[in-house]
Amino acid sequence: MGHSKNTLIKTIQIMKTHPFFALASFIFALFFVSCSKEKATMVDPENQQVIKDKTVFDNYMKARTSATQTFYFELKEIKRDNGILTIKILGDCDKEHYKVVWDGAVMESFPMQIQLLIAYDRPKDLVCDASLHEHTLEVNLKELIGDDFKDSDYVIHILNGSQEKDKTINPNGTVTDKK
């Protein structure tokens, strides 16, 4: 303890006699603090179905092309109105197992573009009935992207996390199949 106290006293004396060293230390500390990594996950507080996380996005993208994928769902209908994106899905089990995942990237083209992946996160031991159900997911794009979001400024690619059958909603509201 005495050694670290002596080191601190010497450091303070150097800073007093060498203002350049003090300024450089301050700038280094400021840089170090401002570059600390924030947790990239953002969960929608209402339904906890919207996640902003590049690593999670990338993992689901890898899983959809793997041979181990066993659960499939279909993107039935996509609508967007005043910043609210509505996605209807035909699949099994409950709505709570479907997640909307954004990698946080905005392609700054005109119009701008984002990709949202619909992931199915069903526990392997969960038994569901054999029938398919329609589930509706809603995403508040203004909360996700920012208050200045306008429907007319964005193309949104909706990626099916269970298979490569994606849809795109254009700025004018038309929907096209990507595959």
Protein backbone atom coordinates (compact mmCIF):
# COMPACT_ATOMS: atom_id res chain seq x y z
CA MET A 1 0.00 0.00 0.00
CA GLY A 2 2.84 2.39 0.84
CA HIS A 3 4.48 1.76 -2.53
CA SER A 4 1.36 2.70 -4.52
CA LYS A 5 0.89 5.80 -2.36
CA ASN A 6 4.47 6.92 -3.14
CA THR A 7 3.89 6.29 -6.85
CA LEU A 8 0.72 8.40 -6.76
CA ILE A 9 2.54 11.26 -5.00
CA LYS A 10 5.35 11.15 -7.59
CA THR A 11 2.81 11.17 -10.42
CA ILE A 12 1.06 14.22 -8.96
CA GLN A 13 4.40 16.03 -8.59
CA ILE A 14 5.27 15.28 -12.23
CA MET A 15 1.87 16.60 -13.35
CA LYS A 16 2.39 19.84 -11.39
CA THR A 17 5.85 20.45 -12.87
CA HIS A 18 5.06 19.20 -16.40
CA PRO A 19 1.64 20.50 -17.52
CA PHE A 20 2.05 18.82 -20.91
CA PHE A 21 2.20 15.42 -19.16
CA ALA A 22 -0.94 16.29 -17.17
CA LEU A 23 -2.81 17.29 -20.34
CA ALA A 24 -1.69 14.17 -22.20
CA SER A 25 -2.77 11.98 -19.26
CA PHE A 26 -6.17 13.67 -19.17
CA ILE A 27 -6.69 13.21 -22.91
CA PHE A 28 -5.62 9.57 -22.70
CA ALA A 29 -8.04 8.94 -19.82
CA LEU A 30 -10.86 10.69 -21.68
CA PHE A 31 -10.17 8.67 -24.81
CA PHE A 32 -10.08 5.42 -22.84
CA VAL A 33 -13.40 6.15 -21.13
CA SER A 34 -15.16 7.33 -24.31
CA CYS A 35 -14.03 4.25 -26.23
CA SER A 36 -15.30 1.78 -23.69
CA LYS A 37 -17.66 -0.62 -25.34
CA GLU A 38 -21.34 -0.27 -24.52
CA LYS A 39 -23.45 -3.37 -24.41
CA ALA A 40 -25.03 -3.51 -27.85
CA THR A 41 -28.21 -5.24 -26.79
CA MET A 42 -31.42 -3.28 -26.68
CA VAL A 43 -34.61 -5.06 -25.79
CA ASP A 44 -38.03 -3.59 -26.40
CA PRO A 45 -39.29 -3.04 -22.83
CA GLU A 46 -42.92 -3.80 -23.71
CA ASN A 47 -42.71 -7.24 -25.28
CA GLN A 48 -38.98 -8.09 -25.20
CA GLN A 49 -39.15 -9.27 -28.79
CA VAL A 50 -36.88 -6.66 -30.39
CA ILE A 51 -33.12 -7.09 -29.96
CA LYS A 52 -30.34 -4.85 -31.29
CA ASP A 53 -27.16 -6.90 -31.29
CA LYS A 54 -24.80 -7.63 -34.19
CA THR A 55 -23.41 -10.84 -32.69
CA VAL A 56 -26.89 -12.28 -32.09
CA PHE A 57 -27.89 -11.23 -35.63
CA ASP A 58 -24.82 -12.92 -37.15
CA ASN A 59 -25.39 -16.12 -35.17
CA TYR A 60 -29.00 -16.40 -36.35
CA MET A 61 -27.90 -15.73 -39.95
CA LYS A 62 -25.40 -18.60 -39.75
CA ALA A 63 -27.99 -20.91 -38.19
CA ARG A 64 -30.57 -20.35 -40.94
CA THR A 65 -28.25 -21.82 -43.57
CA SER A 66 -27.06 -24.73 -41.46
CA ALA A 67 -28.28 -28.27 -41.94
CA THR A 68 -29.33 -28.38 -38.27
CA GLN A 69 -32.28 -26.02 -38.80
CA THR A 70 -35.41 -28.03 -37.88
CA PHE A 71 -38.12 -25.44 -37.23
CA TYR A 72 -39.48 -23.39 -40.11
CA PHE A 73 -41.92 -20.52 -40.32
CA GLU A 74 -43.26 -18.32 -43.09
CA LEU A 75 -43.39 -14.54 -43.40
CA LYS A 76 -47.01 -14.00 -44.42
CA GLU A 77 -47.60 -10.25 -44.44
CA ILE A 78 -45.51 -7.13 -43.87
CA LYS A 79 -47.02 -3.65 -43.35
CA ARG A 80 -45.62 -0.35 -42.18
CA ASP A 81 -47.64 2.62 -41.02
CA ASN A 82 -46.31 5.76 -39.37
CA GLY A 83 -43.17 4.08 -38.07
CA ILE A 84 -44.84 0.88 -36.88
CA LEU A 85 -43.77 -2.27 -38.72
CA THR A 86 -46.23 -5.17 -38.50
CA ILE A 87 -45.01 -8.64 -39.42
CA LYS A 88 -47.41 -11.61 -39.63
CA ILE A 89 -45.83 -15.02 -39.32
CA LEU A 90 -47.24 -18.50 -39.87
CA GLY A 91 -45.50 -20.95 -37.55
CA ASP A 92 -45.87 -23.22 -34.58
CA CYS A 93 -45.92 -22.68 -30.83
CA ASP A 94 -46.27 -19.29 -29.21
CA LYS A 95 -45.48 -15.73 -30.27
CA GLU A 96 -43.02 -15.36 -27.38
CA HIS A 97 -40.52 -17.61 -29.21
CA TYR A 98 -40.17 -15.21 -32.16
CA LYS A 99 -37.67 -12.36 -31.97
CA VAL A 100 -36.89 -9.40 -34.23
CA VAL A 101 -33.11 -8.91 -34.35
CA TRP A 102 -31.36 -5.87 -35.83
CA ASP A 103 -27.61 -5.73 -36.29
CA GLY A 104 -27.68 -1.95 -35.78
CA ALA A 105 -26.40 -1.18 -39.29
CA VAL A 106 -27.99 1.46 -41.53
CA MET A 107 -26.96 1.29 -45.17
CA GLU A 108 -26.66 4.96 -46.02
CA SER A 109 -27.92 4.81 -49.58
CA PHE A 110 -30.93 6.66 -50.92
CA PRO A 111 -33.27 5.47 -49.63
CA MET A 112 -31.50 4.15 -46.55
CA GLN A 113 -31.80 0.44 -45.81
CA ILE A 114 -31.82 -1.80 -42.76
CA GLN A 115 -32.11 -5.53 -42.24
CA LEU A 116 -34.31 -7.04 -39.55
CA LEU A 117 -34.07 -10.76 -38.95
CA ILE A 118 -37.03 -12.70 -37.59
CA ALA A 119 -35.61 -15.41 -35.38
CA TYR A 120 -37.35 -18.40 -33.88
CA ASP A 121 -35.98 -19.23 -30.46
CA ARG A 122 -37.92 -22.29 -29.36
CA PRO A 123 -36.45 -24.45 -26.62
CA LYS A 124 -35.57 -27.88 -28.02
CA ASP A 125 -37.51 -29.72 -25.31
CA LEU A 126 -40.72 -27.70 -25.84
CA VAL A 127 -43.50 -29.75 -27.39
CA CYS A 128 -45.98 -27.84 -29.53
CA ASP A 129 -49.12 -28.98 -31.28
CA ALA A 130 -48.75 -29.87 -34.95
CA SER A 131 -50.98 -27.05 -36.19
CA LEU A 132 -49.64 -23.75 -37.50
CA HIS A 133 -50.64 -20.47 -35.93
CA GLU A 134 -50.53 -16.90 -37.16
CA HIS A 135 -48.46 -14.60 -34.97
CA THR A 136 -48.16 -10.82 -35.27
CA LEU A 137 -45.00 -8.98 -34.30
CA GLU A 138 -44.81 -5.19 -34.10
CA VAL A 139 -41.69 -3.06 -34.20
CA ASN A 140 -41.67 0.65 -33.40
CA LEU A 141 -39.10 1.83 -35.94
CA LYS A 142 -38.93 5.31 -34.43
CA GLU A 143 -37.81 3.81 -31.11
CA LEU A 144 -35.43 1.39 -32.81
CA ILE A 145 -33.77 3.70 -35.34
CA GLY A 146 -34.45 7.14 -33.92
CA ASP A 147 -37.13 9.81 -33.65
CA ASP A 148 -36.31 11.24 -37.08
CA PHE A 149 -37.33 7.94 -38.76
CA LYS A 150 -39.70 8.42 -41.73
CA ASP A 151 -41.32 5.54 -43.62
CA SER A 152 -40.49 7.21 -46.94
CA ASP A 153 -36.74 7.29 -46.20
CA TYR A 154 -36.15 3.55 -45.61
CA VAL A 155 -36.18 0.21 -47.36
CA ILE A 156 -36.52 -2.52 -44.76
CA HIS A 157 -35.36 -6.04 -45.54
CA ILE A 158 -37.15 -8.63 -43.41
CA LEU A 159 -35.00 -11.76 -43.21
CA ASN A 160 -36.62 -15.08 -42.36
CA GLY A 161 -34.39 -16.68 -39.73
CA SER A 162 -35.57 -20.20 -40.52
CA GLN A 163 -34.99 -20.25 -44.29
CA GLU A 164 -33.85 -18.03 -47.14
CA LYS A 165 -37.28 -16.65 -48.03
CA ASP A 166 -37.05 -12.95 -47.27
CA LYS A 167 -39.24 -9.94 -47.97
CA THR A 168 -38.55 -6.27 -48.53
CA ILE A 169 -40.86 -3.37 -47.73
CA ASN A 170 -40.14 -0.36 -49.88
CA PRO A 171 -40.57 3.31 -48.93
CA ASN A 172 -43.94 3.44 -50.71
CA GLY A 173 -45.21 0.44 -48.70
CA THR A 174 -45.03 -2.18 -51.46
CA VAL A 175 -43.63 -5.55 -50.45
CA THR A 176 -41.44 -7.72 -52.64
CA ASP A 177 -40.11 -11.23 -52.13
CA LYS A 178 -36.33 -11.45 -52.10
CA LYS A 179 -36.24 -15.15 -52.93
